Amino acid sequence: MEYDPRVIAKALGIALPDRQPGKGVAVLSGLTPEDHWRRFLSLQLAGRTIVLPDPGWPNHWTDQLLAPIRDAEDLGHSRILIATSGSTALPKWCVHSVHTLAAAGKNFAMRFGEAGWIHSVVVLPQHHVGGLLPILRSAACGGRVIFSDYRALADLEENYFPLKAATLSLVPTQLERLLKDAQAVDKLRRFAAIFVGGAACPEATLIRARELSLPLAPCYGATETAAMVTALDPADFLAGKKGVGQPLPGNTVECLPDRRIRVTSEAVFEGYLGEPQSQGTFTLPDEGKWDAEGNLHILQRADRVIISGGELVQPT
């Protein structure tokens, strides 16, 4: 996939303005998803660097985190800065590029696009890789995207595209809430796949989803890897298999001797802002192992932080 903002705009069903905005760094926050992407893609066409802060941060976090990126000359062009909490209390900036994001979309398309899973229903926030990447995946697959509130999935209509050709990404907390709504469960059954990541999904939740015949695809990835690098196929999930599946094309995933997980891919970020570049390889703060069928199992966080709603929380 060549990264083309116009192709992405087509997947979103939005028009781009003829005039492109100025120079330097642009901060995007607090917009509706559609307005976010109009602005995002216009900035991309202009070669601007885009910063995606979390609108829920306390003001002193925002001030502190934006201070190092005021000088656009230090960042180059067409970079996308996405925040991750990493293993520290204060989030870090992951520096991605059109190349890393395009690679993530291409890797997804090679595995799932060929199966006809080309469309996306997006319910996760756009400052997070879980909300950002589905748009790029569908663009790589030649599909379409619609935005929704996960709490309103029961009312989701299929006027835009058939859900049997669409995927949905959720964090475990959202899935647990939806399992309590019979109408939402009926709608979830219609998707080609429901990717669940951002945190370990409780075993009881997985069992209940399997009992309800939901096409879950537990997956694994991080902001640093442009979201998922492994995924369990829904058919395998429904057959009782466990773990977070096998690597997507274009990703080499290893469990090191100390059990920490290392990913090598063109989708791996360039590095944390102000730190050495990653050179396409990143070791995640998680421990894992492979089963006999080649599926990855996540054992625990190597740095023992708590994951809540897809975000990292220090026990202190």
Protein backbone atom coordinates (compact mmCIF):
# COMPACT_ATOMS: atom_id res chain seq x y z
CA MET A 1 0.00 0.00 0.00
CA GLU A 2 1.30 3.42 -0.95
CA TYR A 3 0.23 5.91 1.69
CA ASP A 4 -2.18 8.18 -0.17
CA PRO A 5 -4.40 10.53 1.86
CA ARG A 6 -6.88 10.62 -1.02
CA VAL A 7 -7.36 6.83 -0.85
CA ILE A 8 -7.92 7.09 2.89
CA ALA A 9 -10.43 9.92 2.35
CA LYS A 10 -12.31 7.66 -0.08
CA ALA A 11 -12.52 4.91 2.55
CA LEU A 12 -13.95 7.48 4.96
CA GLY A 13 -16.32 8.99 2.43
CA ILE A 14 -15.02 12.51 3.04
CA ALA A 15 -13.79 15.27 0.75
CA LEU A 16 -10.49 17.06 1.24
CA PRO A 17 -10.10 20.84 0.85
CA ASP A 18 -8.16 22.15 -2.15
CA ARG A 19 -5.90 24.37 -0.03
CA GLN A 20 -3.47 22.70 2.32
CA PRO A 21 -2.54 24.27 5.68
CA GLY A 22 0.84 25.98 6.31
CA LYS A 23 3.97 24.43 7.80
CA GLY A 24 5.28 22.93 11.01
CA VAL A 25 3.71 20.87 13.76
CA ALA A 26 -0.07 20.59 14.14
CA VAL A 27 -1.85 19.34 17.27
CA LEU A 28 -5.17 17.53 16.74
CA SER A 29 -7.48 17.12 19.71
CA GLY A 30 -11.16 17.33 20.60
CA LEU A 31 -12.59 16.97 17.08
CA THR A 32 -15.34 14.66 15.85
CA PRO A 33 -13.87 11.62 14.03
CA GLU A 34 -14.90 12.96 10.63
CA ASP A 35 -13.45 16.43 11.29
CA HIS A 36 -10.35 14.83 12.79
CA TRP A 37 -9.68 12.95 9.57
CA ARG A 38 -10.40 15.87 7.27
CA ARG A 39 -7.80 17.85 9.18
CA PHE A 40 -5.42 14.90 9.56
CA LEU A 41 -5.34 14.11 5.84
CA SER A 42 -5.06 17.75 4.78
CA LEU A 43 -2.05 18.08 7.06
CA GLN A 44 -0.59 14.91 5.59
CA LEU A 45 -0.90 16.28 2.07
CA ALA A 46 0.99 19.35 3.22
CA GLY A 47 3.77 17.22 4.73
CA ARG A 48 3.01 18.46 8.23
CA THR A 49 3.91 16.62 11.42
CA ILE A 50 0.80 15.68 13.42
CA VAL A 51 0.60 15.32 17.19
CA LEU A 52 -2.26 13.34 18.75
CA PRO A 53 -2.59 14.10 22.47
CA ASP A 54 -5.20 12.44 24.66
CA PRO A 55 -7.97 14.99 25.32
CA GLY A 56 -8.44 13.42 28.74
CA TRP A 57 -4.97 14.32 30.00
CA PRO A 58 -4.67 16.76 32.90
CA ASN A 59 -3.54 20.19 31.70
CA HIS A 60 -0.10 19.94 33.26
CA TRP A 61 0.53 16.70 31.34
CA THR A 62 -0.48 18.32 28.07
CA ASP A 63 1.73 21.34 28.69
CA GLN A 64 4.68 19.19 29.67
CA LEU A 65 4.33 16.77 26.75
CA LEU A 66 3.82 19.41 24.08
CA ALA A 67 6.81 21.49 25.17
CA PRO A 68 9.48 19.31 23.43
CA ILE A 69 7.72 19.33 20.05
CA ARG A 70 7.31 23.05 19.45
CA ASP A 71 10.26 23.09 17.03
CA ALA A 72 9.17 21.37 13.82
CA GLU A 73 12.71 21.34 12.41
CA ASP A 74 13.74 18.65 14.87
CA LEU A 75 10.99 16.28 13.73
CA GLY A 76 11.36 16.25 9.97
CA HIS A 77 8.25 15.99 7.81
CA SER A 78 5.11 13.83 7.78
CA ARG A 79 5.60 12.34 11.22
CA ILE A 80 2.71 11.19 13.41
CA LEU A 81 3.28 11.44 17.16
CA ILE A 82 1.07 9.09 19.18
CA ALA A 83 1.29 8.92 22.95
CA THR A 84 1.95 5.78 24.92
CA SER A 85 2.55 5.45 28.63
CA GLY A 86 5.31 2.88 28.12
CA SER A 87 6.76 1.93 31.48
CA THR A 88 6.77 5.40 33.04
CA ALA A 89 4.10 7.44 34.79
CA LEU A 90 4.21 10.22 32.18
CA PRO A 91 3.34 9.13 28.61
CA LYS A 92 5.98 9.12 25.89
CA TRP A 93 5.64 10.16 22.26
CA CYS A 94 5.94 7.34 19.74
CA VAL A 95 7.20 8.72 16.44
CA HIS A 96 5.52 7.04 13.48
CA SER A 97 5.64 7.96 9.81
CA VAL A 98 3.57 7.43 6.71
CA HIS A 99 5.85 4.48 6.00
CA THR A 100 5.28 2.67 9.31
CA LEU A 101 1.53 3.23 9.21
CA ALA A 102 1.29 2.13 5.57
CA ALA A 103 3.23 -1.03 6.44
CA ALA A 104 0.75 -1.84 9.22
CA GLY A 105 -2.17 -1.42 6.81
CA LYS A 106 -0.46 -3.59 4.20
CA ASN A 107 0.33 -6.35 6.72
CA PHE A 108 -3.33 -6.46 7.77
CA ALA A 109 -4.55 -6.50 4.16
CA MET A 110 -2.32 -9.43 3.24
CA ARG A 111 -3.91 -11.60 5.91
CA PHE A 112 -7.47 -10.36 6.29
CA GLY A 113 -8.21 -8.28 3.21
CA GLU A 114 -7.72 -11.33 1.02
CA ALA A 115 -10.39 -13.05 3.13
CA GLY A 116 -12.82 -10.25 2.24
CA TRP A 117 -12.70 -8.50 5.62
CA ILE A 118 -12.27 -5.07 4.12
CA HIS A 119 -14.58 -2.68 6.02
CA SER A 120 -14.32 -1.27 9.56
CA VAL A 121 -16.70 -0.03 12.22
CA VAL A 122 -14.61 2.20 14.49
CA VAL A 123 -15.56 2.83 18.12
CA LEU A 124 -12.15 3.58 19.66
CA PRO A 125 -10.71 7.12 19.97
CA GLN A 126 -8.70 8.60 17.13
CA HIS A 127 -5.72 9.61 19.28
CA HIS A 128 -5.15 5.91 20.03
CA VAL A 129 -3.68 3.31 17.62
CA GLY A 130 -6.77 1.16 18.25
CA GLY A 131 -8.92 3.85 16.64
CA LEU A 132 -6.40 5.15 14.11
CA LEU A 133 -5.29 1.92 12.44
CA PRO A 134 -8.68 0.48 11.38
CA ILE A 135 -9.05 3.40 8.98
CA LEU A 136 -5.67 2.68 7.39
CA ARG A 137 -6.40 -1.06 7.24
CA SER A 138 -9.67 -0.55 5.39
CA ALA A 139 -8.01 1.89 3.02
CA ALA A 140 -5.34 -0.73 2.28
CA CYS A 141 -8.09 -3.32 1.66
CA GLY A 142 -10.17 -1.04 -0.58
CA GLY A 143 -12.97 -0.95 1.99
CA ARG A 144 -15.04 1.66 3.78
CA VAL A 145 -15.19 3.00 7.34
CA ILE A 146 -17.96 4.21 9.61
CA PHE A 147 -17.70 5.58 13.14
CA SER A 148 -20.00 4.53 15.95
CA ASP A 149 -20.40 4.55 19.72
CA TYR A 150 -19.83 1.02 21.00
CA ARG A 151 -22.82 1.48 23.32
CA ALA A 152 -25.02 2.01 20.26
CA LEU A 153 -23.91 -1.04 18.28
CA ALA A 154 -27.33 -2.65 18.71
CA ASP A 155 -28.77 0.15 16.54
CA LEU A 156 -26.05 -0.02 13.89
CA GLU A 157 -27.54 -0.32 10.39
CA GLU A 158 -25.96 -2.14 7.48
CA ASN A 159 -26.69 0.52 4.89
CA TYR A 160 -22.99 1.32 4.40
CA PHE A 161 -21.67 -2.23 3.96
CA PRO A 162 -22.49 -5.77 5.12
CA LEU A 163 -21.09 -6.49 8.57
CA LYS A 164 -20.03 -9.95 7.40
CA ALA A 165 -17.29 -8.13 5.46
CA ALA A 166 -16.40 -5.80 8.36
CA THR A 167 -14.24 -5.91 11.47
CA LEU A 168 -14.58 -4.22 14.84
CA SER A 169 -11.90 -3.49 17.44
CA LEU A 170 -12.74 -3.44 21.15
CA VAL A 171 -10.92 -3.38 24.47
CA PRO A 172 -12.01 -6.06 26.98
CA THR A 173 -14.04 -3.66 29.13
CA GLN A 174 -16.20 -2.72 26.15
CA LEU A 175 -16.71 -6.36 25.23
CA GLU A 176 -17.75 -7.24 28.79
CA ARG A 177 -20.41 -4.52 28.75
CA LEU A 178 -21.73 -5.53 25.34
CA LEU A 179 -22.13 -9.16 26.41
CA LYS A 180 -24.85 -8.01 28.81
CA ASP A 181 -26.97 -6.62 25.94
CA ALA A 182 -28.76 -9.33 23.91
CA GLN A 183 -29.39 -6.98 20.97
CA ALA A 184 -25.74 -5.93 20.89
CA VAL A 185 -24.67 -9.59 20.99
CA ASP A 186 -26.90 -10.29 17.99
CA LYS A 187 -25.22 -7.49 16.08
CA LEU A 188 -21.74 -8.64 17.11
CA ARG A 189 -22.40 -12.08 15.63
CA ARG A 190 -22.77 -10.49 12.19
CA PHE A 191 -19.18 -9.18 12.02
CA ALA A 192 -16.45 -11.06 10.19
CA ALA A 193 -14.14 -10.56 13.17
CA ILE A 194 -14.06 -8.71 16.47
CA PHE A 195 -10.49 -7.86 17.42
CA VAL A 196 -9.99 -7.68 21.18
CA GLY A 197 -6.76 -6.18 22.48
CA GLY A 198 -5.25 -3.38 24.53
CA ALA A 199 -5.23 -5.59 27.65
CA ALA A 200 -5.58 -9.22 28.63
CA CYS A 201 -9.16 -10.36 28.20
CA PRO A 202 -10.50 -12.22 31.27
CA GLU A 203 -10.94 -15.93 30.66
CA ALA A 204 -14.58 -15.78 31.82
CA THR A 205 -15.28 -13.14 29.17
CA LEU A 206 -13.70 -15.27 26.45
CA ILE A 207 -15.69 -18.32 27.54
CA ARG A 208 -18.95 -16.35 27.49
CA ALA A 209 -18.17 -14.91 24.05
CA ARG A 210 -17.47 -18.41 22.75
CA GLU A 211 -20.75 -19.68 24.21
CA LEU A 212 -22.53 -16.87 22.36
CA SER A 213 -20.75 -17.79 19.09
CA LEU A 214 -19.08 -14.40 18.72
CA PRO A 215 -16.32 -14.24 16.07
CA LEU A 216 -13.67 -12.97 18.45
CA ALA A 217 -10.09 -12.51 17.27
CA PRO A 218 -7.90 -11.88 20.35
CA CYS A 219 -4.88 -9.91 19.16
CA TYR A 220 -1.63 -8.42 20.41
CA GLY A 221 0.27 -5.26 19.61
CA ALA A 222 1.23 -1.85 20.93
CA THR A 223 1.47 1.79 19.94
CA GLU A 224 5.13 1.15 19.12
CA THR A 225 4.20 -1.57 16.61
CA ALA A 226 1.33 0.38 14.97
CA ALA A 227 -1.20 -1.83 16.76
CA MET A 228 -1.68 -5.55 16.14
CA VAL A 229 1.16 -7.84 15.13
CA THR A 230 -0.60 -11.14 15.95
CA ALA A 231 -4.22 -12.26 15.84
CA LEU A 232 -6.14 -15.47 16.49
CA ASP A 233 -8.56 -16.33 13.69
CA PRO A 234 -12.23 -16.32 14.80
CA ALA A 235 -12.68 -19.92 13.60
CA ASP A 236 -9.84 -21.01 15.85
CA PHE A 237 -11.26 -19.03 18.75
CA LEU A 238 -14.67 -20.65 18.34
CA ALA A 239 -12.97 -24.06 18.14
CA GLY A 240 -11.60 -23.46 21.63
CA LYS A 241 -8.05 -22.40 20.83
CA LYS A 242 -6.42 -19.85 23.12
CA GLY A 243 -3.80 -17.14 22.95
CA VAL A 244 -3.45 -14.16 20.63
CA GLY A 245 -2.70 -16.05 17.46
CA GLN A 246 0.07 -16.04 14.91
CA PRO A 247 2.04 -13.12 13.44
CA LEU A 248 0.52 -11.11 10.63
CA PRO A 249 2.51 -11.06 7.38
CA GLY A 250 5.42 -8.66 7.52
CA ASN A 251 5.95 -9.15 11.27
CA THR A 252 8.61 -11.29 12.90
CA VAL A 253 7.64 -11.98 16.52
CA GLU A 254 10.08 -13.68 18.90
CA CYS A 255 10.02 -14.74 22.54
CA LEU A 256 13.49 -14.02 23.88
CA PRO A 257 15.26 -16.18 26.48
CA ASP A 258 13.89 -13.94 29.23
CA ARG A 259 10.41 -14.42 27.65
CA ARG A 260 10.09 -10.81 26.59
CA ILE A 261 8.48 -10.32 23.18
CA ARG A 262 10.46 -8.76 20.33
CA VAL A 263 8.86 -7.53 17.10
CA THR A 264 10.68 -6.78 13.86
CA SER A 265 8.62 -5.08 11.18
CA GLU A 266 8.44 -2.10 8.85
CA ALA A 267 5.47 -1.05 10.98
CA VAL A 268 7.61 -0.61 14.11
CA PHE A 269 7.85 3.04 15.13
CA GLU A 270 10.92 5.18 14.52
CA GLY A 271 11.51 5.55 18.25
CA TYR A 272 10.44 7.58 21.24
CA LEU A 273 10.76 11.32 20.80
CA GLY A 274 14.23 12.41 21.90
CA GLU A 275 15.59 8.84 22.13
CA PRO A 276 17.57 6.64 19.68
CA GLN A 277 15.70 5.20 16.72
CA SER A 278 14.31 1.67 16.85
CA GLN A 279 15.71 0.49 13.48
CA GLY A 280 12.58 -1.57 12.86
CA THR A 281 12.86 -3.72 15.99
CA PHE A 282 11.22 -3.25 19.36
CA THR A 283 11.20 -5.36 22.53
CA LEU A 284 7.90 -5.01 24.35
CA PRO A 285 7.49 -5.00 28.15
CA ASP A 286 5.47 -8.22 28.01
CA GLU A 287 6.42 -11.86 28.54
CA GLY A 288 5.11 -14.52 26.19
CA LYS A 289 5.42 -18.08 24.93
CA TRP A 290 4.38 -20.10 21.88
CA ASP A 291 2.13 -23.13 21.96
CA ALA A 292 2.55 -26.24 19.80
CA GLU A 293 0.38 -24.75 17.04
CA GLY A 294 2.38 -21.54 16.79
CA ASN A 295 -0.02 -19.28 18.68
CA LEU A 296 1.40 -16.64 20.98
CA HIS A 297 0.32 -16.54 24.62
CA ILE A 298 0.91 -13.43 26.75
CA LEU A 299 2.02 -14.39 30.24
CA GLN A 300 2.37 -11.10 32.12
CA ARG A 301 3.79 -7.60 31.99
CA ALA A 302 7.53 -7.68 32.47
CA ASP A 303 7.36 -4.29 34.24
CA ARG A 304 4.27 -5.23 36.27
CA VAL A 305 2.13 -2.22 35.39
CA ILE A 306 -1.67 -2.51 35.39
CA ILE A 307 -3.57 -2.26 32.10
CA SER A 308 -7.02 -0.65 32.34
CA GLY A 309 -9.17 0.08 29.30
CA GLY A 310 -6.18 -0.22 26.98
CA GLU A 311 -4.11 2.29 29.00
CA LEU A 312 -1.16 1.61 31.28
CA VAL A 313 -1.45 2.50 34.96
CA GLN A 314 1.39 2.48 37.47
CA PRO A 315 0.46 0.65 40.71
CA THR A 316 1.94 3.56 42.67
